[in-house]
Amino acid sequence: MYNFNNYGPLTNWTSLFFLPLLVPALIWSFVWKGLALYRSARNGQKGWFILLLVVNTVGILEIIYLLFFSKTKEKK
């Protein structure tokens, strides 16, 4: 029978090593995703909104969208 309490050689030290890297990556991703989702919703770009919501690229797709594909509304 398999022991589910033993995950092999990658147990305690990896979680302690990757946790400081994971938290900033999550914050980075949430900030860019929030900005991109807000801009796509305000511009009525439903396709971009769904794509940005579903695909997780750690901010890369969101930055590309914000720089090249989002329309900025002009103030009157």
N, C-alpha and C. Protein backbone atom coordinates (compact mmCIF):
# COMPACT_ATOMS: atom_id res chain seq x y z
N MET A 1 0.84 -1.17 0.00
CA MET A 1 0.00 0.00 0.00
C MET A 1 0.89 1.24 0.00
N TYR A 2 0.46 2.28 -0.70
CA TYR A 2 1.24 3.51 -0.83
C TYR A 2 1.02 4.42 0.37
N ASN A 3 2.09 4.99 0.88
CA ASN A 3 2.02 5.91 2.01
C ASN A 3 1.87 7.34 1.47
N PHE A 4 0.73 7.95 1.66
CA PHE A 4 0.48 9.29 1.14
C PHE A 4 1.11 10.40 1.98
N ASN A 5 1.66 10.07 3.13
CA ASN A 5 2.32 11.07 3.96
C ASN A 5 3.75 11.34 3.51
N ASN A 6 4.30 10.50 2.66
CA ASN A 6 5.67 10.68 2.18
C ASN A 6 5.63 11.11 0.72
N TYR A 7 6.05 12.33 0.45
CA TYR A 7 6.02 12.86 -0.91
C TYR A 7 7.36 12.70 -1.62
N GLY A 8 8.29 12.00 -1.05
CA GLY A 8 9.58 11.78 -1.69
C GLY A 8 10.59 12.81 -1.25
N PRO A 9 11.64 13.01 -2.06
CA PRO A 9 12.73 13.90 -1.65
C PRO A 9 12.34 15.38 -1.63
N LEU A 10 11.26 15.75 -2.30
CA LEU A 10 10.86 17.15 -2.36
C LEU A 10 9.79 17.43 -1.31
N THR A 11 10.18 17.57 -0.08
CA THR A 11 9.19 17.78 0.98
C THR A 11 9.37 19.13 1.65
N ASN A 12 9.99 19.17 2.79
CA ASN A 12 10.01 20.37 3.63
C ASN A 12 10.90 21.49 3.09
N TRP A 13 12.11 21.18 2.65
CA TRP A 13 13.03 22.24 2.26
C TRP A 13 12.57 22.97 1.01
N THR A 14 11.88 22.27 0.10
CA THR A 14 11.43 22.96 -1.12
C THR A 14 10.31 23.93 -0.82
N SER A 15 9.42 23.55 0.08
CA SER A 15 8.34 24.49 0.41
C SER A 15 8.88 25.72 1.12
N LEU A 16 9.90 25.55 1.93
CA LEU A 16 10.51 26.70 2.59
C LEU A 16 11.31 27.56 1.61
N PHE A 17 11.87 26.94 0.58
CA PHE A 17 12.64 27.67 -0.41
C PHE A 17 11.75 28.44 -1.38
N PHE A 18 10.66 27.81 -1.84
CA PHE A 18 9.82 28.41 -2.86
C PHE A 18 8.77 29.37 -2.32
N LEU A 19 8.46 29.33 -1.05
CA LEU A 19 7.45 30.21 -0.48
C LEU A 19 7.82 31.69 -0.63
N PRO A 20 9.06 32.11 -0.35
CA PRO A 20 9.40 33.52 -0.57
C PRO A 20 9.36 33.93 -2.04
N LEU A 21 9.47 32.99 -2.95
CA LEU A 21 9.37 33.31 -4.38
C LEU A 21 7.91 33.32 -4.84
N LEU A 22 7.09 32.52 -4.20
CA LEU A 22 5.70 32.39 -4.62
C LEU A 22 4.86 33.61 -4.24
N VAL A 23 5.06 34.13 -3.07
CA VAL A 23 4.24 35.26 -2.60
C VAL A 23 4.42 36.50 -3.48
N PRO A 24 5.64 36.95 -3.79
CA PRO A 24 5.78 38.10 -4.70
C PRO A 24 5.24 37.81 -6.10
N ALA A 25 5.39 36.57 -6.58
CA ALA A 25 4.86 36.23 -7.90
C ALA A 25 3.33 36.31 -7.92
N LEU A 26 2.69 35.88 -6.85
CA LEU A 26 1.23 35.98 -6.77
C LEU A 26 0.77 37.43 -6.71
N ILE A 27 1.46 38.24 -5.93
CA ILE A 27 1.10 39.66 -5.84
C ILE A 27 1.28 40.33 -7.19
N TRP A 28 2.42 40.06 -7.86
CA TRP A 28 2.70 40.61 -9.19
C TRP A 28 1.59 40.22 -10.16
N SER A 29 1.21 38.97 -10.16
CA SER A 29 0.20 38.47 -11.08
C SER A 29 -1.17 39.09 -10.81
N PHE A 30 -1.55 39.19 -9.53
CA PHE A 30 -2.86 39.77 -9.19
C PHE A 30 -2.95 41.24 -9.57
N VAL A 31 -1.88 41.99 -9.38
CA VAL A 31 -1.91 43.42 -9.72
C VAL A 31 -2.11 43.61 -11.22
N TRP A 32 -1.30 42.91 -12.04
CA TRP A 32 -1.43 43.07 -13.49
C TRP A 32 -2.75 42.52 -14.00
N LYS A 33 -3.20 41.40 -13.45
CA LYS A 33 -4.48 40.83 -13.88
C LYS A 33 -5.63 41.78 -13.54
N GLY A 34 -5.58 42.37 -12.36
CA GLY A 34 -6.63 43.31 -11.98
C GLY A 34 -6.66 44.53 -12.88
N LEU A 35 -5.50 45.09 -13.19
CA LEU A 35 -5.45 46.25 -14.09
C LEU A 35 -5.97 45.91 -15.48
N ALA A 36 -5.54 44.77 -16.01
CA ALA A 36 -5.96 44.38 -17.35
C ALA A 36 -7.45 44.04 -17.39
N LEU A 37 -7.95 43.34 -16.39
CA LEU A 37 -9.38 43.03 -16.36
C LEU A 37 -10.23 44.29 -16.23
N TYR A 38 -9.79 45.22 -15.42
CA TYR A 38 -10.51 46.48 -15.26
C TYR A 38 -10.57 47.25 -16.59
N ARG A 39 -9.41 47.34 -17.26
CA ARG A 39 -9.36 48.09 -18.52
C ARG A 39 -10.19 47.41 -19.60
N SER A 40 -10.13 46.08 -19.70
CA SER A 40 -10.91 45.39 -20.73
C SER A 40 -12.41 45.49 -20.44
N ALA A 41 -12.80 45.48 -19.18
CA ALA A 41 -14.22 45.62 -18.85
C ALA A 41 -14.71 47.04 -19.15
N ARG A 42 -13.90 48.03 -18.83
CA ARG A 42 -14.29 49.43 -19.10
C ARG A 42 -14.39 49.71 -20.60
N ASN A 43 -13.56 49.02 -21.40
CA ASN A 43 -13.58 49.22 -22.85
C ASN A 43 -14.57 48.31 -23.56
N GLY A 44 -15.25 47.44 -22.84
CA GLY A 44 -16.24 46.55 -23.43
C GLY A 44 -15.64 45.47 -24.30
N GLN A 45 -14.42 45.05 -24.03
CA GLN A 45 -13.75 44.02 -24.80
C GLN A 45 -13.95 42.67 -24.12
N LYS A 46 -15.10 42.04 -24.41
CA LYS A 46 -15.47 40.80 -23.73
C LYS A 46 -14.50 39.66 -24.02
N GLY A 47 -14.03 39.56 -25.26
CA GLY A 47 -13.10 38.50 -25.62
C GLY A 47 -11.80 38.59 -24.83
N TRP A 48 -11.26 39.79 -24.74
CA TRP A 48 -10.04 39.99 -23.96
C TRP A 48 -10.29 39.72 -22.48
N PHE A 49 -11.44 40.14 -21.98
CA PHE A 49 -11.76 39.92 -20.57
C PHE A 49 -11.76 38.43 -20.24
N ILE A 50 -12.43 37.63 -21.07
CA ILE A 50 -12.50 36.19 -20.83
C ILE A 50 -11.11 35.56 -20.95
N LEU A 51 -10.35 35.96 -21.97
CA LEU A 51 -9.00 35.41 -22.16
C LEU A 51 -8.11 35.74 -20.97
N LEU A 52 -8.15 36.98 -20.53
CA LEU A 52 -7.32 37.39 -19.39
C LEU A 52 -7.75 36.72 -18.09
N LEU A 53 -9.04 36.46 -17.97
CA LEU A 53 -9.55 35.81 -16.76
C LEU A 53 -9.16 34.34 -16.69
N VAL A 54 -9.15 33.67 -17.83
CA VAL A 54 -8.92 32.22 -17.86
C VAL A 54 -7.43 31.88 -17.91
N VAL A 55 -6.67 32.59 -18.73
CA VAL A 55 -5.27 32.24 -18.95
C VAL A 55 -4.40 32.93 -17.91
N ASN A 56 -3.56 32.15 -17.24
CA ASN A 56 -2.66 32.69 -16.23
C ASN A 56 -1.24 32.64 -16.75
N THR A 57 -0.64 33.82 -17.01
CA THR A 57 0.71 33.89 -17.55
C THR A 57 1.63 34.71 -16.65
N VAL A 58 1.32 34.82 -15.39
CA VAL A 58 2.11 35.57 -14.40
C VAL A 58 2.34 37.01 -14.87
N GLY A 59 1.33 37.59 -15.46
CA GLY A 59 1.38 39.00 -15.82
C GLY A 59 1.86 39.30 -17.22
N ILE A 60 2.39 38.33 -17.94
CA ILE A 60 2.95 38.61 -19.26
C ILE A 60 1.85 38.99 -20.26
N LEU A 61 0.79 38.19 -20.37
CA LEU A 61 -0.30 38.50 -21.29
C LEU A 61 -0.99 39.79 -20.88
N GLU A 62 -1.12 40.04 -19.60
CA GLU A 62 -1.76 41.24 -19.12
C GLU A 62 -0.97 42.49 -19.51
N ILE A 63 0.34 42.44 -19.37
CA ILE A 63 1.18 43.58 -19.74
C ILE A 63 1.11 43.82 -21.25
N ILE A 64 1.15 42.75 -22.05
CA ILE A 64 1.04 42.90 -23.50
C ILE A 64 -0.29 43.53 -23.87
N TYR A 65 -1.36 43.08 -23.23
CA TYR A 65 -2.68 43.67 -23.50
C TYR A 65 -2.70 45.15 -23.15
N LEU A 66 -2.21 45.49 -21.97
CA LEU A 66 -2.25 46.90 -21.55
C LEU A 66 -1.40 47.79 -22.44
N LEU A 67 -0.29 47.30 -22.90
CA LEU A 67 0.60 48.14 -23.72
C LEU A 67 0.16 48.27 -25.17
N PHE A 68 -0.37 47.20 -25.75
CA PHE A 68 -0.59 47.20 -27.19
C PHE A 68 -2.04 47.09 -27.64
N PHE A 69 -2.92 46.48 -26.87
CA PHE A 69 -4.26 46.18 -27.37
C PHE A 69 -5.39 46.92 -26.68
N SER A 70 -5.13 47.56 -25.57
CA SER A 70 -6.22 48.24 -24.88
C SER A 70 -6.37 49.65 -25.44
N LYS A 71 -7.60 50.03 -25.60
CA LYS A 71 -7.90 51.38 -26.06
C LYS A 71 -8.01 52.29 -24.84
N THR A 72 -7.44 53.44 -24.92
CA THR A 72 -7.62 54.42 -23.84
C THR A 72 -8.70 55.38 -24.27
N LYS A 73 -9.58 55.69 -23.36
CA LYS A 73 -10.66 56.62 -23.66
C LYS A 73 -10.15 58.04 -23.53
N GLU A 74 -10.47 58.84 -24.52
CA GLU A 74 -10.04 60.23 -24.50
C GLU A 74 -11.01 61.06 -23.66
N LYS A 75 -10.44 61.98 -22.88
CA LYS A 75 -11.27 62.88 -22.09
C LYS A 75 -11.71 64.04 -22.96
N LYS A 76 -12.95 64.48 -22.77
CA LYS A 76 -13.47 65.61 -23.55
C LYS A 76 -13.23 66.92 -22.83
